[in-house]
Amino acid sequence: MNNIKENNNKMNLLIIMPDQMRADYLGCYGHSTKGTKNIDRLATEGLKFDNC
């Protein structure tokens, strides 16, 4: 039971790498499109690496 509580403090890492979409076409990078609302929400609530 103690192991379960200790594991809850670990962070999760999610890497999204679409191969057919330019970054400047996403709403989280300033585009006015309404079609990337879930990716935009993930970028707003998490971390976004601009220069990797």
PDB file of N, CA and C in Angstrom:
ATOM      1  N   MET A   1       0.816  -1.197   0.000  1.00  0.00           N
ATOM      2  CA  MET A   1       0.000   0.000   0.000  1.00  0.00           C
ATOM      3  C   MET A   1       0.861   1.263   0.000  1.00  0.00           C
ATOM      4  N   ASN A   2       1.977   1.247   0.700  1.00  0.00           N
ATOM      5  CA  ASN A   2       2.847   2.422   0.731  1.00  0.00           C
ATOM      6  C   ASN A   2       3.436   2.720  -0.643  1.00  0.00           C
ATOM      7  N   ASN A   3       3.711   1.682  -1.431  1.00  0.00           N
ATOM      8  CA  ASN A   3       4.267   1.884  -2.766  1.00  0.00           C
ATOM      9  C   ASN A   3       3.296   2.642  -3.659  1.00  0.00           C
ATOM     10  N   ILE A   4       2.018   2.402  -3.521  1.00  0.00           N
ATOM     11  CA  ILE A   4       1.019   3.092  -4.338  1.00  0.00           C
ATOM     12  C   ILE A   4       1.013   4.585  -4.018  1.00  0.00           C
ATOM     13  N   LYS A   5       1.078   4.938  -2.757  1.00  0.00           N
ATOM     14  CA  LYS A   5       1.086   6.351  -2.369  1.00  0.00           C
ATOM     15  C   LYS A   5       2.354   7.037  -2.851  1.00  0.00           C
ATOM     16  N   GLU A   6       3.492   6.368  -2.792  1.00  0.00           N
ATOM     17  CA  GLU A   6       4.747   6.963  -3.240  1.00  0.00           C
ATOM     18  C   GLU A   6       4.737   7.199  -4.748  1.00  0.00           C
ATOM     19  N   ASN A   7       4.134   6.320  -5.519  1.00  0.00           N
ATOM     20  CA  ASN A   7       4.102   6.455  -6.977  1.00  0.00           C
ATOM     21  C   ASN A   7       3.211   7.600  -7.440  1.00  0.00           C
ATOM     22  N   ASN A   8       2.278   8.058  -6.621  1.00  0.00           N
ATOM     23  CA  ASN A   8       1.396   9.152  -7.017  1.00  0.00           C
ATOM     24  C   ASN A   8       2.133  10.477  -7.137  1.00  0.00           C
ATOM     25  N   ASN A   9       3.310  10.609  -6.551  1.00  0.00           N
ATOM     26  CA  ASN A   9       4.070  11.858  -6.609  1.00  0.00           C
ATOM     27  C   ASN A   9       4.911  11.973  -7.871  1.00  0.00           C
ATOM     28  N   LYS A  10       4.998  10.927  -8.662  1.00  0.00           N
ATOM     29  CA  LYS A  10       5.805  10.972  -9.881  1.00  0.00           C
ATOM     30  C   LYS A  10       5.067  11.724 -10.971  1.00  0.00           C
ATOM     31  N   MET A  11       5.841  12.449 -11.784  1.00  0.00           N
ATOM     32  CA  MET A  11       5.257  13.191 -12.896  1.00  0.00           C
ATOM     33  C   MET A  11       5.157  12.293 -14.120  1.00  0.00           C
ATOM     34  N   ASN A  12       4.192  12.557 -14.961  1.00  0.00           N
ATOM     35  CA  ASN A  12       4.035  11.852 -16.224  1.00  0.00           C
ATOM     36  C   ASN A  12       4.619  12.694 -17.343  1.00  0.00           C
ATOM     37  N   LEU A  13       5.107  12.039 -18.373  1.00  0.00           N
ATOM     38  CA  LEU A  13       5.660  12.716 -19.536  1.00  0.00           C
ATOM     39  C   LEU A  13       4.910  12.246 -20.767  1.00  0.00           C
ATOM     40  N   LEU A  14       4.364  13.195 -21.518  1.00  0.00           N
ATOM     41  CA  LEU A  14       3.656  12.898 -22.759  1.00  0.00           C
ATOM     42  C   LEU A  14       4.308  13.714 -23.868  1.00  0.00           C
ATOM     43  N   ILE A  15       4.813  13.041 -24.870  1.00  0.00           N
ATOM     44  CA  ILE A  15       5.449  13.711 -26.008  1.00  0.00           C
ATOM     45  C   ILE A  15       4.558  13.501 -27.221  1.00  0.00           C
ATOM     46  N   ILE A  16       4.133  14.602 -27.829  1.00  0.00           N
ATOM     47  CA  ILE A  16       3.301  14.542 -29.035  1.00  0.00           C
ATOM     48  C   ILE A  16       4.149  15.033 -30.200  1.00  0.00           C
ATOM     49  N   MET A  17       4.297  14.172 -31.197  1.00  0.00           N
ATOM     50  CA  MET A  17       5.127  14.510 -32.355  1.00  0.00           C
ATOM     51  C   MET A  17       4.381  14.180 -33.641  1.00  0.00           C
ATOM     52  N   PRO A  18       3.421  15.011 -34.036  1.00  0.00           N
ATOM     53  CA  PRO A  18       2.740  14.741 -35.306  1.00  0.00           C
ATOM     54  C   PRO A  18       3.686  15.020 -36.472  1.00  0.00           C
ATOM     55  N   ASP A  19       3.702  14.124 -37.432  1.00  0.00           N
ATOM     56  CA  ASP A  19       4.639  14.289 -38.547  1.00  0.00           C
ATOM     57  C   ASP A  19       4.031  15.028 -39.732  1.00  0.00           C
ATOM     58  N   GLN A  20       2.750  15.346 -39.679  1.00  0.00           N
ATOM     59  CA  GLN A  20       2.098  16.026 -40.791  1.00  0.00           C
ATOM     60  C   GLN A  20       1.512  17.383 -40.394  1.00  0.00           C
ATOM     61  N   MET A  21       1.994  17.979 -39.299  1.00  0.00           N
ATOM     62  CA  MET A  21       1.438  19.246 -38.831  1.00  0.00           C
ATOM     63  C   MET A  21       2.569  20.186 -38.423  1.00  0.00           C
ATOM     64  N   ARG A  22       2.548  21.371 -38.975  1.00  0.00           N
ATOM     65  CA  ARG A  22       3.534  22.373 -38.598  1.00  0.00           C
ATOM     66  C   ARG A  22       3.140  22.989 -37.261  1.00  0.00           C
ATOM     67  N   ALA A  23       4.120  23.355 -36.460  1.00  0.00           N
ATOM     68  CA  ALA A  23       3.852  23.935 -35.140  1.00  0.00           C
ATOM     69  C   ALA A  23       3.092  25.252 -35.254  1.00  0.00           C
ATOM     70  N   ASP A  24       3.366  26.034 -36.290  1.00  0.00           N
ATOM     71  CA  ASP A  24       2.693  27.337 -36.406  1.00  0.00           C
ATOM     72  C   ASP A  24       1.239  27.211 -36.852  1.00  0.00           C
ATOM     73  N   TYR A  25       0.754  26.000 -37.035  1.00  0.00           N
ATOM     74  CA  TYR A  25      -0.650  25.782 -37.373  1.00  0.00           C
ATOM     75  C   TYR A  25      -1.479  25.396 -36.145  1.00  0.00           C
ATOM     76  N   LEU A  26      -0.856  25.349 -34.983  1.00  0.00           N
ATOM     77  CA  LEU A  26      -1.542  25.010 -33.735  1.00  0.00           C
ATOM     78  C   LEU A  26      -1.990  26.287 -33.030  1.00  0.00           C
ATOM     79  N   GLY A  27      -3.138  26.208 -32.378  1.00  0.00           N
ATOM     80  CA  GLY A  27      -3.651  27.356 -31.640  1.00  0.00           C
ATOM     81  C   GLY A  27      -2.739  27.795 -30.509  1.00  0.00           C
ATOM     82  N   CYS A  28      -2.042  26.848 -29.866  1.00  0.00           N
ATOM     83  CA  CYS A  28      -1.153  27.191 -28.750  1.00  0.00           C
ATOM     84  C   CYS A  28       0.081  27.953 -29.211  1.00  0.00           C
ATOM     85  N   TYR A  29       0.330  28.007 -30.515  1.00  0.00           N
ATOM     86  CA  TYR A  29       1.429  28.794 -31.070  1.00  0.00           C
ATOM     87  C   TYR A  29       0.932  30.015 -31.825  1.00  0.00           C
ATOM     88  N   GLY A  30      -0.333  30.367 -31.616  1.00  0.00           N
ATOM     89  CA  GLY A  30      -0.830  31.623 -32.159  1.00  0.00           C
ATOM     90  C   GLY A  30      -1.742  31.538 -33.362  1.00  0.00           C
ATOM     91  N   HIS A  31      -1.962  30.362 -33.929  1.00  0.00           N
ATOM     92  CA  HIS A  31      -2.850  30.258 -35.082  1.00  0.00           C
ATOM     93  C   HIS A  31      -4.297  30.394 -34.630  1.00  0.00           C
ATOM     94  N   SER A  32      -5.127  30.956 -35.458  1.00  0.00           N
ATOM     95  CA  SER A  32      -6.526  31.227 -35.087  1.00  0.00           C
ATOM     96  C   SER A  32      -7.455  30.033 -35.319  1.00  0.00           C
ATOM     97  N   THR A  33      -6.922  28.868 -35.605  1.00  0.00           N
ATOM     98  CA  THR A  33      -7.741  27.688 -35.875  1.00  0.00           C
ATOM     99  C   THR A  33      -8.484  27.213 -34.627  1.00  0.00           C
ATOM    100  N   LYS A  34      -9.616  26.606 -34.827  1.00  0.00           N
ATOM    101  CA  LYS A  34     -10.400  26.039 -33.727  1.00  0.00           C
ATOM    102  C   LYS A  34     -10.230  24.524 -33.674  1.00  0.00           C
ATOM    103  N   GLY A  35      -9.452  23.931 -34.556  1.00  0.00           N
ATOM    104  CA  GLY A  35      -9.365  22.488 -34.672  1.00  0.00           C
ATOM    105  C   GLY A  35      -8.359  21.796 -33.772  1.00  0.00           C
ATOM    106  N   THR A  36      -7.602  22.532 -32.965  1.00  0.00           N
ATOM    107  CA  THR A  36      -6.594  21.894 -32.122  1.00  0.00           C
ATOM    108  C   THR A  36      -6.855  22.166 -30.639  1.00  0.00           C
ATOM    109  N   LYS A  37      -8.119  22.177 -30.242  1.00  0.00           N
ATOM    110  CA  LYS A  37      -8.459  22.574 -28.874  1.00  0.00           C
ATOM    111  C   LYS A  37      -7.891  21.628 -27.823  1.00  0.00           C
ATOM    112  N   ASN A  38      -7.796  20.344 -28.082  1.00  0.00           N
ATOM    113  CA  ASN A  38      -7.249  19.414 -27.092  1.00  0.00           C
ATOM    114  C   ASN A  38      -5.737  19.570 -26.945  1.00  0.00           C
ATOM    115  N   ILE A  39      -5.034  19.735 -28.050  1.00  0.00           N
ATOM    116  CA  ILE A  39      -3.596  19.985 -27.987  1.00  0.00           C
ATOM    117  C   ILE A  39      -3.334  21.324 -27.308  1.00  0.00           C
ATOM    118  N   ASP A  40      -4.152  22.321 -27.600  1.00  0.00           N
ATOM    119  CA  ASP A  40      -3.998  23.636 -26.964  1.00  0.00           C
ATOM    120  C   ASP A  40      -4.200  23.542 -25.459  1.00  0.00           C
ATOM    121  N   ARG A  41      -5.168  22.741 -25.031  1.00  0.00           N
ATOM    122  CA  ARG A  41      -5.422  22.575 -23.596  1.00  0.00           C
ATOM    123  C   ARG A  41      -4.252  21.878 -22.919  1.00  0.00           C
ATOM    124  N   LEU A  42      -3.698  20.842 -23.553  1.00  0.00           N
ATOM    125  CA  LEU A  42      -2.527  20.168 -23.000  1.00  0.00           C
ATOM    126  C   LEU A  42      -1.342  21.128 -22.884  1.00  0.00           C
ATOM    127  N   ALA A  43      -1.156  21.969 -23.880  1.00  0.00           N
ATOM    128  CA  ALA A  43      -0.054  22.937 -23.853  1.00  0.00           C
ATOM    129  C   ALA A  43      -0.263  23.985 -22.769  1.00  0.00           C
ATOM    130  N   THR A  44      -1.520  24.377 -22.529  1.00  0.00           N
ATOM    131  CA  THR A  44      -1.818  25.386 -21.507  1.00  0.00           C
ATOM    132  C   THR A  44      -1.637  24.827 -20.099  1.00  0.00           C
ATOM    133  N   GLU A  45      -2.078  23.601 -19.889  1.00  0.00           N
ATOM    134  CA  GLU A  45      -2.032  23.008 -18.549  1.00  0.00           C
ATOM    135  C   GLU A  45      -0.683  22.368 -18.221  1.00  0.00           C
ATOM    136  N   GLY A  46       0.140  22.126 -19.217  1.00  0.00           N
ATOM    137  CA  GLY A  46       1.424  21.470 -18.991  1.00  0.00           C
ATOM    138  C   GLY A  46       2.584  22.373 -19.376  1.00  0.00           C
ATOM    139  N   LEU A  47       3.635  21.771 -19.857  1.00  0.00           N
ATOM    140  CA  LEU A  47       4.821  22.499 -20.307  1.00  0.00           C
ATOM    141  C   LEU A  47       4.917  22.410 -21.822  1.00  0.00           C
ATOM    142  N   LYS A  48       5.372  23.486 -22.417  1.00  0.00           N
ATOM    143  CA  LYS A  48       5.558  23.530 -23.867  1.00  0.00           C
ATOM    144  C   LYS A  48       7.007  23.922 -24.119  1.00  0.00           C
ATOM    145  N   PHE A  49       7.733  23.075 -24.831  1.00  0.00           N
ATOM    146  CA  PHE A  49       9.143  23.342 -25.128  1.00  0.00           C
ATOM    147  C   PHE A  49       9.237  23.936 -26.523  1.00  0.00           C
ATOM    148  N   ASP A  50       9.647  25.171 -26.607  1.00  0.00           N
ATOM    149  CA  ASP A  50       9.679  25.881 -27.888  1.00  0.00           C
ATOM    150  C   ASP A  50      10.978  25.667 -28.666  1.00  0.00           C
ATOM    151  N   ASN A  51      12.076  25.412 -27.985  1.00  0.00           N
ATOM    152  CA  ASN A  51      13.367  25.322 -28.649  1.00  0.00           C
ATOM    153  C   ASN A  51      14.095  24.033 -28.256  1.00  0.00           C
ATOM    154  N   CYS A  52      13.589  22.926 -28.723  1.00  0.00           N
ATOM    155  CA  CYS A  52      14.236  21.641 -28.393  1.00  0.00           C
ATOM    156  C   CYS A  52      14.754  20.967 -29.633  1.00  0.00           C
TER     157      CYS A  52
END
